[in-house]
Amino acid sequence: MNNDTSHVIRLGTWDTLNADAKAIRFEVFVAEQHVPADIELDDMDAVCLHAVAYDAAGQPIGTGRLLPDGHIGRMAVRKLARGSGVGGALLQALMAQARARGDQRVVLSAQTQAAPFYERHGFSIAGEEFYEAGIAHIDMQLTFA
């Protein structure tokens, strides 16, 4: 487990962050998890707020996005940075942006194996398990107090 917490999170548009976000998403989702490349990118990327985490050397190590309707998605952390707190920091940054713009809640479709991670950040399960790209998922939500 990597306990190095020296990372920086940049927020921005797809235009400004797509090269780094795309590299991480293809490494994690397409190469590791065998999600078909043609469904990894979608039209929503252009309208989302994106977050990319960078390590101390400036290398992109994690990403996620916030859709206009309050969905958080495409959360991915490179293997070398897992367990370092990067995923939690990305999630918290996206949640803070949702709250700041006035969203009452955030929702996401978590890979079922990642549900405990999201529960540690206050999310609760809100539906039945389903499969997307051959991977078990569960809908989750968090309502802001």
N, C-alpha and C. Protein backbone atom coordinates (compact mmCIF):
# COMPACT_ATOMS: atom_id res chain seq x y z
N MET A 1 0.84 -1.19 0.00
CA MET A 1 0.00 0.00 0.00
C MET A 1 0.88 1.24 0.00
N ASN A 2 0.53 2.16 -0.86
CA ASN A 2 1.27 3.41 -0.96
C ASN A 2 0.62 4.44 -0.05
N ASN A 3 1.34 4.92 0.94
CA ASN A 3 0.78 5.89 1.88
C ASN A 3 1.20 7.32 1.57
N ASP A 4 1.78 7.53 0.40
CA ASP A 4 2.18 8.87 -0.01
C ASP A 4 0.93 9.68 -0.32
N THR A 5 0.70 10.74 0.44
CA THR A 5 -0.50 11.55 0.22
C THR A 5 -0.16 12.87 -0.46
N SER A 6 1.02 12.97 -1.05
CA SER A 6 1.39 14.22 -1.72
C SER A 6 0.85 14.19 -3.15
N HIS A 7 -0.36 14.70 -3.27
CA HIS A 7 -0.98 14.79 -4.59
C HIS A 7 -1.74 16.11 -4.69
N VAL A 8 -1.96 16.51 -5.91
CA VAL A 8 -2.68 17.75 -6.20
C VAL A 8 -3.84 17.38 -7.10
N ILE A 9 -5.00 17.98 -6.84
CA ILE A 9 -6.17 17.74 -7.68
C ILE A 9 -6.47 18.99 -8.48
N ARG A 10 -6.58 18.81 -9.78
CA ARG A 10 -6.98 19.90 -10.68
C ARG A 10 -8.40 19.65 -11.14
N LEU A 11 -9.21 20.70 -11.14
CA LEU A 11 -10.57 20.64 -11.64
C LEU A 11 -10.63 21.41 -12.94
N GLY A 12 -11.42 20.92 -13.88
CA GLY A 12 -11.53 21.64 -15.13
C GLY A 12 -12.48 20.99 -16.11
N THR A 13 -12.46 21.50 -17.31
CA THR A 13 -13.31 21.00 -18.38
C THR A 13 -12.63 19.84 -19.09
N TRP A 14 -13.38 19.16 -19.94
CA TRP A 14 -12.83 18.09 -20.76
C TRP A 14 -11.75 18.65 -21.68
N ASP A 15 -11.96 19.87 -22.18
CA ASP A 15 -10.97 20.48 -23.06
C ASP A 15 -9.61 20.61 -22.38
N THR A 16 -9.62 20.93 -21.09
CA THR A 16 -8.35 21.16 -20.40
C THR A 16 -7.74 19.90 -19.79
N LEU A 17 -8.56 18.90 -19.46
CA LEU A 17 -8.06 17.74 -18.73
C LEU A 17 -8.20 16.41 -19.47
N ASN A 18 -8.71 16.43 -20.70
CA ASN A 18 -9.02 15.16 -21.35
C ASN A 18 -7.82 14.25 -21.60
N ALA A 19 -6.68 14.79 -21.93
CA ALA A 19 -5.53 13.93 -22.22
C ALA A 19 -5.17 13.07 -21.00
N ASP A 20 -5.09 13.70 -19.84
CA ASP A 20 -4.73 12.96 -18.63
C ASP A 20 -5.87 12.07 -18.15
N ALA A 21 -7.10 12.57 -18.17
CA ALA A 21 -8.25 11.77 -17.73
C ALA A 21 -8.42 10.55 -18.63
N LYS A 22 -8.31 10.75 -19.92
CA LYS A 22 -8.48 9.66 -20.88
C LYS A 22 -7.41 8.59 -20.67
N ALA A 23 -6.18 9.00 -20.44
CA ALA A 23 -5.09 8.03 -20.24
C ALA A 23 -5.37 7.15 -19.02
N ILE A 24 -5.82 7.75 -17.94
CA ILE A 24 -6.12 6.99 -16.72
C ILE A 24 -7.30 6.07 -16.96
N ARG A 25 -8.36 6.59 -17.53
CA ARG A 25 -9.56 5.79 -17.76
C ARG A 25 -9.29 4.61 -18.69
N PHE A 26 -8.50 4.81 -19.73
CA PHE A 26 -8.20 3.70 -20.62
C PHE A 26 -7.31 2.67 -19.93
N GLU A 27 -6.37 3.12 -19.11
CA GLU A 27 -5.51 2.18 -18.39
C GLU A 27 -6.34 1.33 -17.42
N VAL A 28 -7.21 1.97 -16.65
CA VAL A 28 -7.98 1.27 -15.62
C VAL A 28 -9.16 0.50 -16.21
N PHE A 29 -10.01 1.20 -16.96
CA PHE A 29 -11.24 0.56 -17.43
C PHE A 29 -11.02 -0.35 -18.64
N VAL A 30 -10.30 0.12 -19.64
CA VAL A 30 -10.16 -0.65 -20.87
C VAL A 30 -9.09 -1.74 -20.71
N ALA A 31 -7.88 -1.36 -20.31
CA ALA A 31 -6.79 -2.34 -20.22
C ALA A 31 -6.99 -3.31 -19.05
N GLU A 32 -7.27 -2.80 -17.84
CA GLU A 32 -7.39 -3.66 -16.66
C GLU A 32 -8.71 -4.41 -16.59
N GLN A 33 -9.81 -3.67 -16.81
CA GLN A 33 -11.14 -4.24 -16.57
C GLN A 33 -11.84 -4.70 -17.84
N HIS A 34 -11.21 -4.50 -18.98
CA HIS A 34 -11.74 -4.97 -20.27
C HIS A 34 -13.07 -4.36 -20.66
N VAL A 35 -13.30 -3.10 -20.25
CA VAL A 35 -14.46 -2.36 -20.73
C VAL A 35 -14.19 -2.04 -22.19
N PRO A 36 -15.16 -2.26 -23.08
CA PRO A 36 -14.93 -1.94 -24.50
C PRO A 36 -14.56 -0.46 -24.68
N ALA A 37 -13.51 -0.22 -25.43
CA ALA A 37 -13.02 1.15 -25.64
C ALA A 37 -14.08 2.06 -26.22
N ASP A 38 -14.96 1.50 -27.06
CA ASP A 38 -15.96 2.35 -27.71
C ASP A 38 -17.07 2.82 -26.78
N ILE A 39 -17.17 2.27 -25.56
CA ILE A 39 -18.17 2.79 -24.62
C ILE A 39 -17.54 3.57 -23.46
N GLU A 40 -16.21 3.61 -23.41
CA GLU A 40 -15.56 4.30 -22.30
C GLU A 40 -15.75 5.82 -22.39
N LEU A 41 -15.64 6.38 -23.55
CA LEU A 41 -15.85 7.82 -23.72
C LEU A 41 -17.28 8.04 -24.19
N ASP A 42 -17.90 9.13 -23.75
CA ASP A 42 -19.26 9.41 -24.19
C ASP A 42 -19.46 10.92 -24.37
N ASP A 43 -20.62 11.28 -24.85
CA ASP A 43 -20.92 12.68 -25.11
C ASP A 43 -21.00 13.52 -23.84
N MET A 44 -21.17 12.88 -22.69
CA MET A 44 -21.29 13.61 -21.43
C MET A 44 -19.96 14.22 -20.98
N ASP A 45 -18.85 13.66 -21.44
CA ASP A 45 -17.56 14.22 -21.03
C ASP A 45 -17.47 15.72 -21.29
N ALA A 46 -18.03 16.16 -22.41
CA ALA A 46 -17.93 17.57 -22.80
C ALA A 46 -18.67 18.51 -21.85
N VAL A 47 -19.66 17.99 -21.11
CA VAL A 47 -20.46 18.87 -20.24
C VAL A 47 -20.18 18.64 -18.76
N CYS A 48 -19.24 17.78 -18.43
CA CYS A 48 -18.91 17.45 -17.04
C CYS A 48 -17.80 18.34 -16.49
N LEU A 49 -17.79 18.43 -15.18
CA LEU A 49 -16.63 18.97 -14.47
C LEU A 49 -15.73 17.77 -14.20
N HIS A 50 -14.48 17.85 -14.59
CA HIS A 50 -13.53 16.75 -14.42
C HIS A 50 -12.53 17.09 -13.32
N ALA A 51 -12.07 16.04 -12.66
CA ALA A 51 -11.02 16.16 -11.64
C ALA A 51 -9.92 15.17 -12.00
N VAL A 52 -8.69 15.63 -11.95
CA VAL A 52 -7.53 14.76 -12.16
C VAL A 52 -6.56 14.99 -11.01
N ALA A 53 -6.10 13.89 -10.42
CA ALA A 53 -5.11 13.96 -9.35
C ALA A 53 -3.73 13.69 -9.96
N TYR A 54 -2.76 14.45 -9.47
CA TYR A 54 -1.37 14.33 -9.93
C TYR A 54 -0.48 14.02 -8.73
N ASP A 55 0.51 13.16 -8.93
CA ASP A 55 1.44 12.85 -7.85
C ASP A 55 2.49 13.96 -7.73
N ALA A 56 3.42 13.79 -6.80
CA ALA A 56 4.43 14.82 -6.54
C ALA A 56 5.30 15.11 -7.75
N ALA A 57 5.42 14.13 -8.65
CA ALA A 57 6.21 14.31 -9.86
C ALA A 57 5.40 14.91 -11.02
N GLY A 58 4.10 15.19 -10.74
CA GLY A 58 3.26 15.77 -11.77
C GLY A 58 2.61 14.78 -12.71
N GLN A 59 2.69 13.48 -12.37
CA GLN A 59 2.09 12.44 -13.20
C GLN A 59 0.62 12.25 -12.83
N PRO A 60 -0.27 12.13 -13.80
CA PRO A 60 -1.69 11.91 -13.49
C PRO A 60 -1.90 10.51 -12.92
N ILE A 61 -2.61 10.43 -11.78
CA ILE A 61 -2.77 9.14 -11.11
C ILE A 61 -4.22 8.78 -10.82
N GLY A 62 -5.14 9.71 -10.98
CA GLY A 62 -6.54 9.40 -10.72
C GLY A 62 -7.44 10.43 -11.37
N THR A 63 -8.71 10.03 -11.59
CA THR A 63 -9.65 10.93 -12.22
C THR A 63 -11.08 10.59 -11.82
N GLY A 64 -11.96 11.53 -12.07
CA GLY A 64 -13.40 11.35 -11.86
C GLY A 64 -14.10 12.52 -12.51
N ARG A 65 -15.44 12.42 -12.62
CA ARG A 65 -16.20 13.51 -13.24
C ARG A 65 -17.52 13.71 -12.52
N LEU A 66 -18.03 14.93 -12.64
CA LEU A 66 -19.32 15.31 -12.07
C LEU A 66 -20.21 15.79 -13.20
N LEU A 67 -21.32 15.10 -13.39
CA LEU A 67 -22.26 15.45 -14.44
C LEU A 67 -23.17 16.60 -13.99
N PRO A 68 -23.79 17.28 -14.93
CA PRO A 68 -24.68 18.39 -14.57
C PRO A 68 -25.84 17.97 -13.66
N ASP A 69 -26.26 16.71 -13.73
CA ASP A 69 -27.40 16.25 -12.92
C ASP A 69 -27.00 15.70 -11.55
N GLY A 70 -25.74 15.85 -11.14
CA GLY A 70 -25.30 15.40 -9.83
C GLY A 70 -24.75 13.99 -9.77
N HIS A 71 -24.61 13.34 -10.91
CA HIS A 71 -23.97 12.03 -10.94
C HIS A 71 -22.44 12.19 -10.91
N ILE A 72 -21.81 11.37 -10.10
CA ILE A 72 -20.35 11.27 -10.10
C ILE A 72 -20.02 9.99 -10.84
N GLY A 73 -19.03 10.05 -11.71
CA GLY A 73 -18.71 8.86 -12.47
C GLY A 73 -17.28 8.82 -12.95
N ARG A 74 -16.97 7.72 -13.62
CA ARG A 74 -15.66 7.48 -14.22
C ARG A 74 -14.53 7.67 -13.21
N MET A 75 -14.80 7.27 -11.96
CA MET A 75 -13.77 7.33 -10.92
C MET A 75 -12.75 6.22 -11.19
N ALA A 76 -11.49 6.59 -11.32
CA ALA A 76 -10.44 5.63 -11.59
C ALA A 76 -9.13 6.10 -11.00
N VAL A 77 -8.40 5.17 -10.38
CA VAL A 77 -7.08 5.45 -9.82
C VAL A 77 -6.12 4.39 -10.35
N ARG A 78 -4.98 4.85 -10.84
CA ARG A 78 -3.96 3.91 -11.33
C ARG A 78 -3.49 3.01 -10.21
N LYS A 79 -3.13 1.77 -10.56
CA LYS A 79 -2.71 0.77 -9.58
C LYS A 79 -1.66 1.30 -8.61
N LEU A 80 -0.66 1.99 -9.13
CA LEU A 80 0.45 2.46 -8.30
C LEU A 80 0.01 3.43 -7.21
N ALA A 81 -1.17 4.06 -7.36
CA ALA A 81 -1.62 5.05 -6.39
C ALA A 81 -2.77 4.56 -5.52
N ARG A 82 -3.24 3.35 -5.74
CA ARG A 82 -4.35 2.84 -4.94
C ARG A 82 -3.92 2.67 -3.49
N GLY A 83 -4.81 3.02 -2.59
CA GLY A 83 -4.52 2.92 -1.17
C GLY A 83 -3.82 4.14 -0.61
N SER A 84 -3.62 5.16 -1.44
CA SER A 84 -2.90 6.36 -1.01
C SER A 84 -3.82 7.50 -0.59
N GLY A 85 -5.14 7.31 -0.73
CA GLY A 85 -6.07 8.38 -0.40
C GLY A 85 -6.48 9.22 -1.59
N VAL A 86 -5.92 8.92 -2.76
CA VAL A 86 -6.22 9.71 -3.95
C VAL A 86 -7.69 9.59 -4.35
N GLY A 87 -8.23 8.37 -4.32
CA GLY A 87 -9.63 8.18 -4.69
C GLY A 87 -10.56 8.97 -3.78
N GLY A 88 -10.30 8.92 -2.48
CA GLY A 88 -11.11 9.67 -1.53
C GLY A 88 -11.01 11.17 -1.75
N ALA A 89 -9.81 11.63 -2.04
CA ALA A 89 -9.61 13.06 -2.28
C ALA A 89 -10.35 13.51 -3.55
N LEU A 90 -10.30 12.68 -4.59
CA LEU A 90 -11.04 13.01 -5.81
C LEU A 90 -12.54 13.05 -5.54
N LEU A 91 -13.05 12.04 -4.83
CA LEU A 91 -14.47 11.98 -4.51
C LEU A 91 -14.89 13.19 -3.69
N GLN A 92 -14.10 13.54 -2.68
CA GLN A 92 -14.43 14.69 -1.84
C GLN A 92 -14.42 16.00 -2.65
N ALA A 93 -13.48 16.12 -3.56
CA ALA A 93 -13.41 17.33 -4.39
C ALA A 93 -14.65 17.45 -5.27
N LEU A 94 -15.08 16.35 -5.87
CA LEU A 94 -16.27 16.38 -6.72
C LEU A 94 -17.53 16.64 -5.89
N MET A 95 -17.61 16.03 -4.71
CA MET A 95 -18.75 16.27 -3.83
C MET A 95 -18.80 17.74 -3.40
N ALA A 96 -17.66 18.32 -3.11
CA ALA A 96 -17.62 19.73 -2.70
C ALA A 96 -18.10 20.64 -3.83
N GLN A 97 -17.74 20.31 -5.06
CA GLN A 97 -18.18 21.10 -6.20
C GLN A 97 -19.69 20.98 -6.39
N ALA A 98 -20.23 19.79 -6.22
CA ALA A 98 -21.68 19.59 -6.34
C ALA A 98 -22.41 20.40 -5.28
N ARG A 99 -21.91 20.34 -4.07
CA ARG A 99 -22.54 21.07 -2.97
C ARG A 99 -22.45 22.58 -3.20
N ALA A 100 -21.30 23.04 -3.67
CA ALA A 100 -21.09 24.48 -3.90
C ALA A 100 -22.01 25.03 -4.98
N ARG A 101 -22.36 24.21 -5.95
CA ARG A 101 -23.25 24.69 -7.01
C ARG A 101 -24.72 24.51 -6.66
N GLY A 102 -24.98 23.98 -5.46
CA GLY A 102 -26.35 23.90 -4.98
C GLY A 102 -27.04 22.56 -5.12
N ASP A 103 -26.31 21.52 -5.55
CA ASP A 103 -26.93 20.20 -5.63
C ASP A 103 -27.36 19.76 -4.24
N GLN A 104 -28.52 19.13 -4.16
CA GLN A 104 -29.03 18.62 -2.88
C GLN A 104 -28.46 17.23 -2.55
N ARG A 105 -28.05 16.51 -3.60
CA ARG A 105 -27.49 15.17 -3.40
C ARG A 105 -26.61 14.81 -4.58
N VAL A 106 -25.79 13.79 -4.38
CA VAL A 106 -24.99 13.23 -5.46
C VAL A 106 -25.31 11.74 -5.54
N VAL A 107 -25.23 11.22 -6.74
CA VAL A 107 -25.51 9.81 -6.98
C VAL A 107 -24.40 9.23 -7.84
N LEU A 108 -24.25 7.93 -7.79
CA LEU A 108 -23.26 7.26 -8.62
C LEU A 108 -23.62 5.80 -8.78
N SER A 109 -23.06 5.20 -9.79
CA SER A 109 -23.18 3.76 -10.01
C SER A 109 -21.81 3.17 -9.74
N ALA A 110 -21.67 2.57 -8.57
CA ALA A 110 -20.37 2.03 -8.15
C ALA A 110 -20.21 0.60 -8.62
N GLN A 111 -18.99 0.23 -8.97
CA GLN A 111 -18.72 -1.18 -9.13
C GLN A 111 -18.97 -1.81 -7.75
N THR A 112 -19.70 -2.90 -7.73
CA THR A 112 -20.12 -3.49 -6.45
C THR A 112 -18.96 -3.70 -5.50
N GLN A 113 -17.82 -4.14 -6.01
CA GLN A 113 -16.66 -4.36 -5.14
C GLN A 113 -16.16 -3.06 -4.51
N ALA A 114 -16.50 -1.91 -5.08
CA ALA A 114 -16.06 -0.61 -4.54
C ALA A 114 -17.09 0.03 -3.62
N ALA A 115 -18.26 -0.60 -3.44
CA ALA A 115 -19.31 0.00 -2.60
C ALA A 115 -18.82 0.34 -1.19
N PRO A 116 -18.02 -0.51 -0.53
CA PRO A 116 -17.54 -0.14 0.82
C PRO A 116 -16.73 1.17 0.83
N PHE A 117 -15.97 1.42 -0.22
CA PHE A 117 -15.22 2.69 -0.34
C PHE A 117 -16.19 3.86 -0.31
N TYR A 118 -17.26 3.79 -1.09
CA TYR A 118 -18.22 4.89 -1.15
C TYR A 118 -19.02 5.00 0.14
N GLU A 119 -19.31 3.87 0.78
CA GLU A 119 -20.01 3.91 2.07
C GLU A 119 -19.17 4.63 3.11
N ARG A 120 -17.85 4.45 3.07
CA ARG A 120 -16.97 5.16 4.02
C ARG A 120 -17.03 6.67 3.82
N HIS A 121 -17.48 7.10 2.64
CA HIS A 121 -17.60 8.53 2.35
C HIS A 121 -19.04 9.01 2.47
N GLY A 122 -19.90 8.23 3.09
CA GLY A 122 -21.26 8.66 3.39
C GLY A 122 -22.34 8.22 2.42
N PHE A 123 -21.99 7.49 1.38
CA PHE A 123 -22.99 7.04 0.40
C PHE A 123 -23.73 5.83 0.94
N SER A 124 -24.98 5.69 0.49
CA SER A 124 -25.76 4.50 0.82
C SER A 124 -26.28 3.87 -0.46
N ILE A 125 -26.50 2.58 -0.39
CA ILE A 125 -27.00 1.83 -1.55
C ILE A 125 -28.43 2.25 -1.84
N ALA A 126 -28.73 2.43 -3.13
CA ALA A 126 -30.05 2.92 -3.54
C ALA A 126 -30.55 2.13 -4.75
N GLY A 127 -30.56 0.83 -4.64
CA GLY A 127 -31.06 0.03 -5.76
C GLY A 127 -30.51 -1.37 -5.73
N GLU A 128 -30.84 -2.10 -6.78
CA GLU A 128 -30.41 -3.48 -6.92
C GLU A 128 -29.16 -3.55 -7.79
N GLU A 129 -28.39 -4.58 -7.59
CA GLU A 129 -27.19 -4.78 -8.40
C GLU A 129 -27.58 -5.00 -9.87
N PHE A 130 -26.75 -4.45 -10.76
CA PHE A 130 -26.94 -4.62 -12.20
C PHE A 130 -25.57 -4.74 -12.85
N TYR A 131 -25.57 -5.15 -14.10
CA TYR A 131 -24.31 -5.32 -14.82
C TYR A 131 -24.19 -4.30 -15.93
N GLU A 132 -23.01 -3.70 -16.02
CA GLU A 132 -22.68 -2.76 -17.09
C GLU A 132 -21.29 -3.13 -17.57
N ALA A 133 -21.15 -3.32 -18.88
CA ALA A 133 -19.87 -3.74 -19.47
C ALA A 133 -19.35 -5.02 -18.82
N GLY A 134 -20.29 -5.88 -18.39
CA GLY A 134 -19.91 -7.15 -17.79
C GLY A 134 -19.43 -7.06 -16.36
N ILE A 135 -19.59 -5.90 -15.72
CA ILE A 135 -19.10 -5.67 -14.36
C ILE A 135 -20.29 -5.35 -13.45
N ALA A 136 -20.37 -6.02 -12.29
CA ALA A 136 -21.44 -5.78 -11.33
C ALA A 136 -21.35 -4.35 -10.78
N HIS A 137 -22.48 -3.64 -10.77
CA HIS A 137 -22.58 -2.28 -10.25
C HIS A 137 -23.77 -2.18 -9.29
N ILE A 138 -23.75 -1.14 -8.49
CA ILE A 138 -24.86 -0.83 -7.58
C ILE A 138 -25.00 0.69 -7.53
N ASP A 139 -26.25 1.18 -7.60
CA ASP A 139 -26.48 2.62 -7.50
C ASP A 139 -26.36 3.03 -6.03
N MET A 140 -25.76 4.20 -5.82
CA MET A 140 -25.56 4.73 -4.48
C MET A 140 -25.87 6.22 -4.49
N GLN A 141 -26.18 6.76 -3.31
CA GLN A 141 -26.49 8.19 -3.23
C GLN A 141 -26.05 8.76 -1.88
N LEU A 142 -25.89 10.06 -1.87
CA LEU A 142 -25.57 10.80 -0.65
C LEU A 142 -26.35 12.10 -0.71
N THR A 143 -27.15 12.35 0.30
CA THR A 143 -27.92 13.60 0.39
C THR A 143 -27.17 14.53 1.33
N PHE A 144 -26.99 15.77 0.90
CA PHE A 144 -26.27 16.75 1.74
C PHE A 144 -27.18 17.24 2.84
N ALA A 145 -26.62 17.36 4.04
CA ALA A 145 -27.39 17.83 5.20
C ALA A 145 -27.68 19.31 5.11
